[in-house]
PDB file of N, CA and C in Angstrom:
ATOM      1  N   UNK A   1       9.569 -38.138  37.520  1.00  0.00           N
ATOM      2  CA  UNK A   1       8.934 -36.977  36.732  1.00  0.00           C
ATOM      3  C   UNK A   1       7.646 -37.548  35.843  1.00  0.00           C
ATOM      4  N   UNK A   2       8.141 -38.505  35.105  1.00  0.00           N
ATOM      5  CA  UNK A   2       6.953 -39.291  34.180  1.00  0.00           C
ATOM      6  C   UNK A   2       5.749 -39.506  35.073  1.00  0.00           C
ATOM      7  N   UNK A   3       5.999 -40.240  36.038  1.00  0.00           N
ATOM      8  CA  UNK A   3       4.851 -40.700  36.911  1.00  0.00           C
ATOM      9  C   UNK A   3       4.058 -39.452  37.226  1.00  0.00           C
ATOM     10  N   UNK A   4       4.673 -38.522  37.864  1.00  0.00           N
ATOM     11  CA  UNK A   4       3.973 -37.257  38.240  1.00  0.00           C
ATOM     12  C   UNK A   4       3.212 -36.676  37.023  1.00  0.00           C
ATOM     13  N   UNK A   5       3.647 -36.576  35.838  1.00  0.00           N
ATOM     14  CA  UNK A   5       2.876 -36.139  34.693  1.00  0.00           C
ATOM     15  C   UNK A   5       1.770 -36.958  34.452  1.00  0.00           C
ATOM     16  N   UNK A   6       1.886 -38.365  34.276  1.00  0.00           N
ATOM     17  CA  UNK A   6       0.675 -39.076  34.298  1.00  0.00           C
ATOM     18  C   UNK A   6      -0.301 -39.037  35.230  1.00  0.00           C
ATOM     19  N   UNK A   7       0.176 -38.884  36.476  1.00  0.00           N
ATOM     20  CA  UNK A   7      -0.842 -38.487  37.675  1.00  0.00           C
ATOM     21  C   UNK A   7      -1.627 -37.134  37.354  1.00  0.00           C
ATOM     22  N   UNK A   8      -0.844 -36.249  36.782  1.00  0.00           N
ATOM     23  CA  UNK A   8      -1.422 -34.847  36.578  1.00  0.00           C
ATOM     24  C   UNK A   8      -2.566 -34.986  35.493  1.00  0.00           C
ATOM     25  N   UNK A   9      -2.136 -35.737  34.387  1.00  0.00           N
ATOM     26  CA  UNK A   9      -3.260 -36.089  33.353  1.00  0.00           C
ATOM     27  C   UNK A   9      -4.424 -36.774  33.880  1.00  0.00           C
ATOM     28  N   UNK A  10      -4.209 -37.647  34.774  1.00  0.00           N
ATOM     29  CA  UNK A  10      -5.316 -38.498  35.210  1.00  0.00           C
ATOM     30  C   UNK A  10      -6.200 -37.577  36.291  1.00  0.00           C
ATOM     31  N   UNK A  11      -5.446 -36.873  37.178  1.00  0.00           N
ATOM     32  CA  UNK A  11      -6.124 -36.149  38.309  1.00  0.00           C
ATOM     33  C   UNK A  11      -7.054 -35.011  37.664  1.00  0.00           C
ATOM     34  N   UNK A  12      -6.521 -34.336  36.902  1.00  0.00           N
ATOM     35  CA  UNK A  12      -7.362 -33.157  36.140  1.00  0.00           C
ATOM     36  C   UNK A  12      -7.922 -33.577  34.903  1.00  0.00           C
ATOM     37  N   UNK A  13      -8.060 -34.765  34.396  1.00  0.00           N
ATOM     38  CA  UNK A  13      -8.794 -35.325  33.398  1.00  0.00           C
ATOM     39  C   UNK A  13      -8.353 -34.441  32.113  1.00  0.00           C
ATOM     40  N   UNK A  14      -7.109 -34.324  31.841  1.00  0.00           N
ATOM     41  CA  UNK A  14      -6.574 -33.671  30.753  1.00  0.00           C
ATOM     42  C   UNK A  14      -7.074 -34.132  29.384  1.00  0.00           C
ATOM     43  N   UNK A  15      -7.051 -35.508  29.297  1.00  0.00           N
ATOM     44  CA  UNK A  15      -7.179 -36.170  28.140  1.00  0.00           C
ATOM     45  C   UNK A  15      -8.685 -35.984  27.686  1.00  0.00           C
ATOM     46  N   UNK A  16      -9.684 -36.104  28.749  1.00  0.00           N
ATOM     47  CA  UNK A  16     -11.011 -35.882  28.388  1.00  0.00           C
ATOM     48  C   UNK A  16     -11.376 -34.506  27.896  1.00  0.00           C
ATOM     49  N   UNK A  17     -10.590 -33.592  28.784  1.00  0.00           N
ATOM     50  CA  UNK A  17     -10.744 -32.064  28.283  1.00  0.00           C
ATOM     51  C   UNK A  17     -10.245 -31.813  26.913  1.00  0.00           C
ATOM     52  N   UNK A  18      -9.175 -32.606  26.471  1.00  0.00           N
ATOM     53  CA  UNK A  18      -8.741 -32.281  25.197  1.00  0.00           C
ATOM     54  C   UNK A  18      -9.585 -32.909  24.122  1.00  0.00           C
ATOM     55  N   UNK A  19     -10.285 -33.870  24.405  1.00  0.00           N
ATOM     56  CA  UNK A  19     -11.285 -34.636  23.574  1.00  0.00           C
ATOM     57  C   UNK A  19     -12.396 -33.601  23.391  1.00  0.00           C
ATOM     58  N   UNK A  20     -12.884 -33.232  24.541  1.00  0.00           N
ATOM     59  CA  UNK A  20     -14.172 -32.371  24.631  1.00  0.00           C
ATOM     60  C   UNK A  20     -13.730 -31.066  23.850  1.00  0.00           C
ATOM     61  N   UNK A  21     -12.636 -30.529  23.839  1.00  0.00           N
ATOM     62  CA  UNK A  21     -12.270 -29.416  23.247  1.00  0.00           C
ATOM     63  C   UNK A  21     -12.086 -29.641  21.601  1.00  0.00           C
ATOM     64  N   UNK A  22     -11.768 -30.820  21.285  1.00  0.00           N
ATOM     65  CA  UNK A  22     -11.663 -31.096  19.780  1.00  0.00           C
ATOM     66  C   UNK A  22     -13.138 -31.247  19.212  1.00  0.00           C
ATOM     67  N   UNK A  23     -13.843 -31.980  20.141  1.00  0.00           N
ATOM     68  CA  UNK A  23     -15.389 -32.235  19.697  1.00  0.00           C
ATOM     69  C   UNK A  23     -15.956 -30.933  19.697  1.00  0.00           C
ATOM     70  N   UNK A  24     -15.762 -30.090  20.551  1.00  0.00           N
ATOM     71  CA  UNK A  24     -16.296 -28.608  20.627  1.00  0.00           C
ATOM     72  C   UNK A  24     -16.220 -27.952  19.398  1.00  0.00           C
ATOM     73  N   UNK A  25     -14.725 -27.931  18.917  1.00  0.00           N
ATOM     74  CA  UNK A  25     -14.531 -27.099  17.758  1.00  0.00           C
ATOM     75  C   UNK A  25     -15.133 -27.769  16.582  1.00  0.00           C
ATOM     76  N   UNK A  26     -15.153 -29.020  16.538  1.00  0.00           N
ATOM     77  CA  UNK A  26     -15.866 -29.734  15.321  1.00  0.00           C
ATOM     78  C   UNK A  26     -17.193 -29.431  15.418  1.00  0.00           C
ATOM     79  N   UNK A  27     -17.903 -29.577  16.320  1.00  0.00           N
ATOM     80  CA  UNK A  27     -19.522 -29.245  16.506  1.00  0.00           C
ATOM     81  C   UNK A  27     -19.717 -27.712  16.218  1.00  0.00           C
ATOM     82  N   UNK A  28     -18.721 -26.916  16.518  1.00  0.00           N
ATOM     83  CA  UNK A  28     -19.068 -25.354  16.220  1.00  0.00           C
ATOM     84  C   UNK A  28     -19.063 -25.297  14.592  1.00  0.00           C
ATOM     85  N   UNK A  29     -18.025 -26.037  13.921  1.00  0.00           N
ATOM     86  CA  UNK A  29     -18.141 -25.825  12.640  1.00  0.00           C
ATOM     87  C   UNK A  29     -19.304 -26.460  11.941  1.00  0.00           C
ATOM     88  N   UNK A  30     -19.773 -27.472  12.462  1.00  0.00           N
ATOM     89  CA  UNK A  30     -21.071 -28.051  12.165  1.00  0.00           C
ATOM     90  C   UNK A  30     -22.397 -27.112  12.322  1.00  0.00           C
ATOM     91  N   UNK A  31     -22.449 -26.623  13.525  1.00  0.00           N
ATOM     92  CA  UNK A  31     -23.474 -25.782  13.866  1.00  0.00           C
ATOM     93  C   UNK A  31     -23.471 -24.361  12.911  1.00  0.00           C
ATOM     94  N   UNK A  32     -22.207 -23.896  12.867  1.00  0.00           N
ATOM     95  CA  UNK A  32     -22.023 -22.707  11.951  1.00  0.00           C
ATOM     96  C   UNK A  32     -22.550 -23.027  10.605  1.00  0.00           C
ATOM     97  N   UNK A  33     -22.260 -24.122   9.944  1.00  0.00           N
ATOM     98  CA  UNK A  33     -22.737 -24.515   8.665  1.00  0.00           C
ATOM     99  C   UNK A  33     -24.246 -24.626   8.572  1.00  0.00           C
ATOM    100  N   UNK A  34     -24.705 -25.242   9.667  1.00  0.00           N
ATOM    101  CA  UNK A  34     -26.051 -25.511   9.826  1.00  0.00           C
ATOM    102  C   UNK A  34     -26.852 -24.042   9.794  1.00  0.00           C
ATOM    103  N   UNK A  35     -26.257 -23.108  10.500  1.00  0.00           N
ATOM    104  CA  UNK A  35     -26.992 -21.790  10.412  1.00  0.00           C
ATOM    105  C   UNK A  35     -26.726 -21.120   9.143  1.00  0.00           C
ATOM    106  N   UNK A  36     -25.590 -21.063   8.503  1.00  0.00           N
ATOM    107  CA  UNK A  36     -25.236 -20.384   7.428  1.00  0.00           C
ATOM    108  C   UNK A  36     -25.879 -20.888   6.115  1.00  0.00           C
ATOM    109  N   UNK A  37     -25.814 -22.166   6.156  1.00  0.00           N
ATOM    110  CA  UNK A  37     -26.284 -22.845   4.753  1.00  0.00           C
ATOM    111  C   UNK A  37     -27.537 -23.266   4.714  1.00  0.00           C
ATOM    112  N   UNK A  38     -28.344 -23.689   6.068  1.00  0.00           N
ATOM    113  CA  UNK A  38     -29.549 -24.091   5.988  1.00  0.00           C
ATOM    114  C   UNK A  38     -30.637 -23.174   6.627  1.00  0.00           C
ATOM    115  N   UNK A  39     -30.350 -22.577   7.731  1.00  0.00           N
ATOM    116  CA  UNK A  39     -31.274 -21.687   8.447  1.00  0.00           C
ATOM    117  C   UNK A  39     -31.284 -20.291   7.962  1.00  0.00           C
ATOM    118  N   UNK A  40     -30.202 -19.739   7.694  1.00  0.00           N
ATOM    119  CA  UNK A  40     -30.195 -18.207   7.270  1.00  0.00           C
ATOM    120  C   UNK A  40     -30.779 -18.127   5.866  1.00  0.00           C
ATOM    121  N   UNK A  41     -30.652 -19.058   5.027  1.00  0.00           N
ATOM    122  CA  UNK A  41     -31.450 -18.881   3.691  1.00  0.00           C
ATOM    123  C   UNK A  41     -32.870 -18.840   3.945  1.00  0.00           C
ATOM    124  N   UNK A  42     -33.411 -19.618   4.980  1.00  0.00           N
ATOM    125  CA  UNK A  42     -34.830 -19.364   5.113  1.00  0.00           C
ATOM    126  C   UNK A  42     -35.276 -18.093   5.912  1.00  0.00           C
ATOM    127  N   UNK A  43     -34.201 -17.570   6.709  1.00  0.00           N
ATOM    128  CA  UNK A  43     -34.633 -16.186   7.324  1.00  0.00           C
ATOM    129  C   UNK A  43     -34.359 -15.126   6.394  1.00  0.00           C
ATOM    130  N   UNK A  44     -33.356 -15.110   5.655  1.00  0.00           N
ATOM    131  CA  UNK A  44     -33.117 -13.918   4.973  1.00  0.00           C
ATOM    132  C   UNK A  44     -34.033 -13.142   4.001  1.00  0.00           C
ATOM    133  N   UNK A  45     -34.949 -14.144   3.364  1.00  0.00           N
ATOM    134  CA  UNK A  45     -36.108 -13.569   2.494  1.00  0.00           C
ATOM    135  C   UNK A  45     -37.138 -12.721   3.408  1.00  0.00           C
ATOM    136  N   UNK A  46     -37.136 -13.140   4.820  1.00  0.00           N
ATOM    137  CA  UNK A  46     -38.077 -12.264   5.724  1.00  0.00           C
ATOM    138  C   UNK A  46     -37.388 -11.037   6.057  1.00  0.00           C
ATOM    139  N   UNK A  47     -36.036 -10.778   5.897  1.00  0.00           N
ATOM    140  CA  UNK A  47     -35.516  -9.321   6.120  1.00  0.00           C
ATOM    141  C   UNK A  47     -35.670  -8.517   4.863  1.00  0.00           C
ATOM    142  N   UNK A  48     -35.713  -7.381   5.158  1.00  0.00           N
ATOM    143  CA  UNK A  48     -35.775  -6.347   3.960  1.00  0.00           C
ATOM    144  C   UNK A  48     -34.498  -6.330   3.210  1.00  0.00           C
ATOM    145  N   UNK A  49     -34.366  -6.529   1.700  1.00  0.00           N
ATOM    146  CA  UNK A  49     -33.405  -6.587   1.022  1.00  0.00           C
ATOM    147  C   UNK A  49     -32.405  -7.531   1.144  1.00  0.00           C
ATOM    148  N   UNK A  50     -31.626  -7.715   0.119  1.00  0.00           N
ATOM    149  CA  UNK A  50     -30.570  -8.673   0.125  1.00  0.00           C
ATOM    150  C   UNK A  50     -29.254  -8.308   0.786  1.00  0.00           C
ATOM    151  N   UNK A  51     -28.817  -6.797   0.805  1.00  0.00           N
ATOM    152  CA  UNK A  51     -27.665  -6.527   1.365  1.00  0.00           C
ATOM    153  C   UNK A  51     -27.883  -5.955   2.861  1.00  0.00           C
ATOM    154  N   UNK A  52     -28.642  -6.493   3.473  1.00  0.00           N
ATOM    155  CA  UNK A  52     -28.808  -6.209   5.015  1.00  0.00           C
ATOM    156  C   UNK A  52     -27.528  -6.309   5.869  1.00  0.00           C
ATOM    157  N   UNK A  53     -26.801  -7.392   5.693  1.00  0.00           N
ATOM    158  CA  UNK A  53     -25.648  -7.462   6.331  1.00  0.00           C
ATOM    159  C   UNK A  53     -24.583  -6.460   6.132  1.00  0.00           C
ATOM    160  N   UNK A  54     -24.554  -5.926   4.885  1.00  0.00           N
ATOM    161  CA  UNK A  54     -23.766  -4.837   4.557  1.00  0.00           C
ATOM    162  C   UNK A  54     -24.096  -3.331   4.968  1.00  0.00           C
ATOM    163  N   UNK A  55     -25.212  -3.326   5.675  1.00  0.00           N
ATOM    164  CA  UNK A  55     -25.785  -2.029   6.163  1.00  0.00           C
ATOM    165  C   UNK A  55     -24.953  -1.234   7.122  1.00  0.00           C
ATOM    166  N   UNK A  56     -24.582  -0.086   6.802  1.00  0.00           N
ATOM    167  CA  UNK A  56     -23.735   0.824   7.680  1.00  0.00           C
ATOM    168  C   UNK A  56     -24.389   2.104   8.061  1.00  0.00           C
ATOM    169  N   UNK A  57     -24.191   2.465   9.259  1.00  0.00           N
ATOM    170  CA  UNK A  57     -24.835   3.667   9.884  1.00  0.00           C
ATOM    171  C   UNK A  57     -23.662   4.754   9.950  1.00  0.00           C
ATOM    172  N   UNK A  58     -23.751   5.665   9.084  1.00  0.00           N
ATOM    173  CA  UNK A  58     -22.604   6.698   9.191  1.00  0.00           C
ATOM    174  C   UNK A  58     -22.874   7.824  10.128  1.00  0.00           C
ATOM    175  N   UNK A  59     -21.985   8.106  11.098  1.00  0.00           N
ATOM    176  CA  UNK A  59     -22.276   9.158  11.972  1.00  0.00           C
ATOM    177  C   UNK A  59     -20.995  10.063  11.932  1.00  0.00           C
ATOM    178  N   UNK A  60     -21.050  10.966  11.208  1.00  0.00           N
ATOM    179  CA  UNK A  60     -19.793  11.929  10.987  1.00  0.00           C
ATOM    180  C   UNK A  60     -18.576  10.956  10.401  1.00  0.00           C
ATOM    181  N   UNK A  61     -17.421  11.042  11.120  1.00  0.00           N
ATOM    182  CA  UNK A  61     -16.464  10.164  10.588  1.00  0.00           C
ATOM    183  C   UNK A  61     -16.580   8.728  10.938  1.00  0.00           C
ATOM    184  N   UNK A  62     -17.464   8.428  11.777  1.00  0.00           N
ATOM    185  CA  UNK A  62     -17.624   6.996  12.400  1.00  0.00           C
ATOM    186  C   UNK A  62     -18.470   6.092  11.421  1.00  0.00           C
ATOM    187  N   UNK A  63     -18.240   4.882  11.142  1.00  0.00           N
ATOM    188  CA  UNK A  63     -19.090   4.031  10.257  1.00  0.00           C
ATOM    189  C   UNK A  63     -19.436   2.946  11.203  1.00  0.00           C
ATOM    190  N   UNK A  64     -20.630   2.674  11.478  1.00  0.00           N
ATOM    191  CA  UNK A  64     -21.221   1.548  12.332  1.00  0.00           C
ATOM    192  C   UNK A  64     -21.647   0.604  11.521  1.00  0.00           C
ATOM    193  N   UNK A  65     -21.117  -0.738  11.350  1.00  0.00           N
ATOM    194  CA  UNK A  65     -21.578  -1.755  10.570  1.00  0.00           C
ATOM    195  C   UNK A  65     -22.794  -2.404  11.496  1.00  0.00           C
ATOM    196  N   UNK A  66     -23.813  -1.919  11.513  1.00  0.00           N
ATOM    197  CA  UNK A  66     -24.940  -2.709  12.154  1.00  0.00           C
ATOM    198  C   UNK A  66     -25.527  -3.930  11.499  1.00  0.00           C
ATOM    199  N   UNK A  67     -25.474  -3.746  10.307  1.00  0.00           N
ATOM    200  CA  UNK A  67     -25.886  -5.181   9.494  1.00  0.00           C
ATOM    201  C   UNK A  67     -25.124  -6.294   9.963  1.00  0.00           C
ATOM    202  N   UNK A  68     -23.714  -6.128   9.800  1.00  0.00           N
ATOM    203  CA  UNK A  68     -22.759  -7.196  10.189  1.00  0.00           C
ATOM    204  C   UNK A  68     -23.007  -7.723  11.684  1.00  0.00           C
ATOM    205  N   UNK A  69     -23.263  -6.626  12.416  1.00  0.00           N
ATOM    206  CA  UNK A  69     -23.604  -6.867  13.927  1.00  0.00           C
ATOM    207  C   UNK A  69     -24.771  -7.592  14.052  1.00  0.00           C
ATOM    208  N   UNK A  70     -25.748  -7.301  13.313  1.00  0.00           N
ATOM    209  CA  UNK A  70     -27.125  -8.108  13.514  1.00  0.00           C
ATOM    210  C   UNK A  70     -27.133  -9.357  12.864  1.00  0.00           C
ATOM    211  N   UNK A  71     -26.313  -9.614  11.795  1.00  0.00           N
ATOM    212  CA  UNK A  71     -26.128 -10.849  11.344  1.00  0.00           C
ATOM    213  C   UNK A  71     -25.376 -11.802  12.210  1.00  0.00           C
ATOM    214  N   UNK A  72     -24.398 -11.282  12.940  1.00  0.00           N
ATOM    215  CA  UNK A  72     -23.635 -12.048  13.910  1.00  0.00           C
ATOM    216  C   UNK A  72     -24.465 -12.435  15.174  1.00  0.00           C
ATOM    217  N   UNK A  73     -25.306 -11.471  15.514  1.00  0.00           N
ATOM    218  CA  UNK A  73     -26.254 -11.699  16.555  1.00  0.00           C
ATOM    219  C   UNK A  73     -27.404 -12.707  16.389  1.00  0.00           C
ATOM    220  N   UNK A  74     -27.727 -12.735  15.037  1.00  0.00           N
ATOM    221  CA  UNK A  74     -28.672 -13.794  14.750  1.00  0.00           C
ATOM    222  C   UNK A  74     -28.154 -15.232  14.564  1.00  0.00           C
ATOM    223  N   UNK A  75     -26.895 -15.054  14.148  1.00  0.00           N
ATOM    224  CA  UNK A  75     -26.103 -16.282  14.056  1.00  0.00           C
ATOM    225  C   UNK A  75     -25.834 -16.911  15.505  1.00  0.00           C
ATOM    226  N   UNK A  76     -25.403 -16.029  16.531  1.00  0.00           N
ATOM    227  CA  UNK A  76     -25.220 -16.347  17.809  1.00  0.00           C
ATOM    228  C   UNK A  76     -26.427 -16.945  18.530  1.00  0.00           C
ATOM    229  N   UNK A  77     -27.595 -16.372  18.344  1.00  0.00           N
ATOM    230  CA  UNK A  77     -28.744 -16.680  18.880  1.00  0.00           C
ATOM    231  C   UNK A  77     -29.144 -18.220  18.133  1.00  0.00           C
ATOM    232  N   UNK A  78     -29.032 -18.274  17.119  1.00  0.00           N
ATOM    233  CA  UNK A  78     -29.483 -19.643  16.515  1.00  0.00           C
ATOM    234  C   UNK A  78     -28.512 -20.659  17.032  1.00  0.00           C
ATOM    235  N   UNK A  79     -27.372 -20.395  17.025  1.00  0.00           N
ATOM    236  CA  UNK A  79     -26.325 -21.404  17.669  1.00  0.00           C
ATOM    237  C   UNK A  79     -26.380 -21.665  18.963  1.00  0.00           C
ATOM    238  N   UNK A  80     -26.580 -20.661  19.711  1.00  0.00           N
ATOM    239  CA  UNK A  80     -27.024 -20.810  21.312  1.00  0.00           C
ATOM    240  C   UNK A  80     -28.158 -21.734  21.410  1.00  0.00           C
ATOM    241  N   UNK A  81     -29.296 -21.443  20.635  1.00  0.00           N
ATOM    242  CA  UNK A  81     -30.525 -22.302  20.794  1.00  0.00           C
ATOM    243  C   UNK A  81     -30.164 -23.693  20.431  1.00  0.00           C
ATOM    244  N   UNK A  82     -29.416 -23.943  19.222  1.00  0.00           N
ATOM    245  CA  UNK A  82     -29.149 -25.370  18.726  1.00  0.00           C
ATOM    246  C   UNK A  82     -28.405 -26.146  19.884  1.00  0.00           C
ATOM    247  N   UNK A  83     -27.490 -25.389  20.410  1.00  0.00           N
ATOM    248  CA  UNK A  83     -26.574 -26.167  21.539  1.00  0.00           C
ATOM    249  C   UNK A  83     -27.504 -26.293  22.746  1.00  0.00           C
ATOM    250  N   UNK A  84     -28.417 -25.386  22.992  1.00  0.00           N
ATOM    251  CA  UNK A  84     -29.266 -25.489  24.295  1.00  0.00           C
ATOM    252  C   UNK A  84     -30.190 -26.731  23.930  1.00  0.00           C
ATOM    253  N   UNK A  85     -30.512 -26.982  22.696  1.00  0.00           N
ATOM    254  CA  UNK A  85     -31.280 -28.232  22.445  1.00  0.00           C
ATOM    255  C   UNK A  85     -30.601 -29.482  22.711  1.00  0.00           C
ATOM    256  N   UNK A  86     -29.357 -29.362  22.002  1.00  0.00           N
ATOM    257  CA  UNK A  86     -28.521 -30.572  22.085  1.00  0.00           C
ATOM    258  C   UNK A  86     -28.101 -30.895  23.547  1.00  0.00           C
ATOM    259  N   UNK A  87     -27.748 -29.836  24.311  1.00  0.00           N
ATOM    260  CA  UNK A  87     -27.346 -30.102  25.801  1.00  0.00           C
ATOM    261  C   UNK A  87     -28.691 -30.602  26.443  1.00  0.00           C
ATOM    262  N   UNK A  88     -29.774 -30.121  26.371  1.00  0.00           N
ATOM    263  CA  UNK A  88     -30.962 -30.627  26.949  1.00  0.00           C
ATOM    264  C   UNK A  88     -31.083 -31.979  26.921  1.00  0.00           C
ATOM    265  N   UNK A  89     -31.106 -32.310  25.564  1.00  0.00           N
ATOM    266  CA  UNK A  89     -31.310 -33.747  25.106  1.00  0.00           C
ATOM    267  C   UNK A  89     -30.269 -34.724  25.760  1.00  0.00           C
ATOM    268  N   UNK A  90     -29.030 -34.304  25.744  1.00  0.00           N
ATOM    269  CA  UNK A  90     -27.884 -35.128  26.269  1.00  0.00           C
ATOM    270  C   UNK A  90     -28.079 -35.231  27.801  1.00  0.00           C
ATOM    271  N   UNK A  91     -28.467 -33.992  28.544  1.00  0.00           N
ATOM    272  CA  UNK A  91     -28.613 -33.969  30.005  1.00  0.00           C
ATOM    273  C   UNK A  91     -29.758 -34.936  30.270  1.00  0.00           C
ATOM    274  N   UNK A  92     -30.872 -34.832  29.419  1.00  0.00           N
ATOM    275  CA  UNK A  92     -31.973 -35.756  29.895  1.00  0.00           C
ATOM    276  C   UNK A  92     -31.577 -37.117  29.777  1.00  0.00           C
ATOM    277  N   UNK A  93     -30.753 -37.547  28.793  1.00  0.00           N
ATOM    278  CA  UNK A  93     -30.410 -38.954  28.591  1.00  0.00           C
ATOM    279  C   UNK A  93     -29.483 -39.253  29.737  1.00  0.00           C
ATOM    280  N   UNK A  94     -28.818 -38.475  30.324  1.00  0.00           N
ATOM    281  CA  UNK A  94     -27.982 -38.804  31.536  1.00  0.00           C
ATOM    282  C   UNK A  94     -28.522 -39.150  32.822  1.00  0.00           C
ATOM    283  N   UNK A  95     -29.731 -38.589  32.913  1.00  0.00           N
ATOM    284  CA  UNK A  95     -30.685 -38.734  34.105  1.00  0.00           C
ATOM    285  C   UNK A  95     -31.232 -40.075  34.122  1.00  0.00           C
ATOM    286  N   UNK A  96     -31.020 -40.801  35.201  1.00  0.00           N
ATOM    287  CA  UNK A  96     -31.649 -42.042  35.253  1.00  0.00           C
ATOM    288  C   UNK A  96     -32.610 -42.055  36.505  1.00  0.00           C
ATOM    289  N   UNK A  97     -34.093 -42.399  36.088  1.00  0.00           N
ATOM    290  CA  UNK A  97     -34.902 -42.427  37.009  1.00  0.00           C
ATOM    291  C   UNK A  97     -34.904 -43.678  37.816  1.00  0.00           C
ATOM    292  N   UNK A  98     -34.389 -43.876  39.179  1.00  0.00           N
ATOM    293  CA  UNK A  98     -34.379 -45.179  39.786  1.00  0.00           C
ATOM    294  C   UNK A  98     -35.531 -45.672  40.259  1.00  0.00           C
ATOM    295  N   UNK A  99     -36.689 -44.962  40.144  1.00  0.00           N
ATOM    296  CA  UNK A  99     -37.958 -45.524  40.720  1.00  0.00           C
ATOM    297  C   UNK A  99     -38.534 -46.262  39.626  1.00  0.00           C
ATOM    298  N   UNK A 100     -38.047 -45.993  38.281  1.00  0.00           N
ATOM    299  CA  UNK A 100     -38.782 -46.847  37.330  1.00  0.00           C
ATOM    300  C   UNK A 100     -37.861 -47.978  36.868  1.00  0.00           C
ATOM    301  N   UNK A 101     -36.824 -48.435  37.650  1.00  0.00           N
ATOM    302  CA  UNK A 101     -36.087 -49.453  37.471  1.00  0.00           C
ATOM    303  C   UNK A 101     -36.590 -50.440  38.452  1.00  0.00           C
ATOM    304  N   UNK A 102     -36.789 -51.605  37.883  1.00  0.00           N
ATOM    305  CA  UNK A 102     -37.389 -52.860  38.698  1.00  0.00           C
ATOM    306  C   UNK A 102     -36.250 -53.837  38.657  1.00  0.00           C
ATOM    307  N   UNK A 103     -35.929 -54.518  39.734  1.00  0.00           N
ATOM    308  CA  UNK A 103     -35.066 -55.417  39.802  1.00  0.00           C
ATOM    309  C   UNK A 103     -35.720 -56.925  39.987  1.00  0.00           C
ATOM    310  N   UNK A 104     -35.561 -57.881  39.031  1.00  0.00           N
ATOM    311  CA  UNK A 104     -36.316 -58.903  39.183  1.00  0.00           C
ATOM    312  C   UNK A 104     -35.248 -59.992  39.612  1.00  0.00           C
ATOM    313  N   UNK A 105     -35.900 -60.809  40.772  1.00  0.00           N
ATOM    314  CA  UNK A 105     -34.977 -61.772  41.365  1.00  0.00           C
ATOM    315  C   UNK A 105     -35.296 -63.229  40.800  1.00  0.00           C
TER     316      UNK A 105
END
């Protein structure tokens, strides 16, 4: 049974997946901090007023917190763009152009 479990871990690369999950969670916190603490303070003066994230649209008995949604949307777009840049850089590093490699004898 123990050998089957070890084979399962190896076959489905569970250890690598677990490491990637932990690194993803850590990088999410890092990127969220980048957005919240560095990028958003630069963007907020361009938006009207200080309380735009608390803006609510009242329709009868319904309250739609469009400011909070807009804030999360901006946050998502910035995070997605930063992850895109990082992934693009990492994937570019993984590509190896074999035509540029010369083997000397």
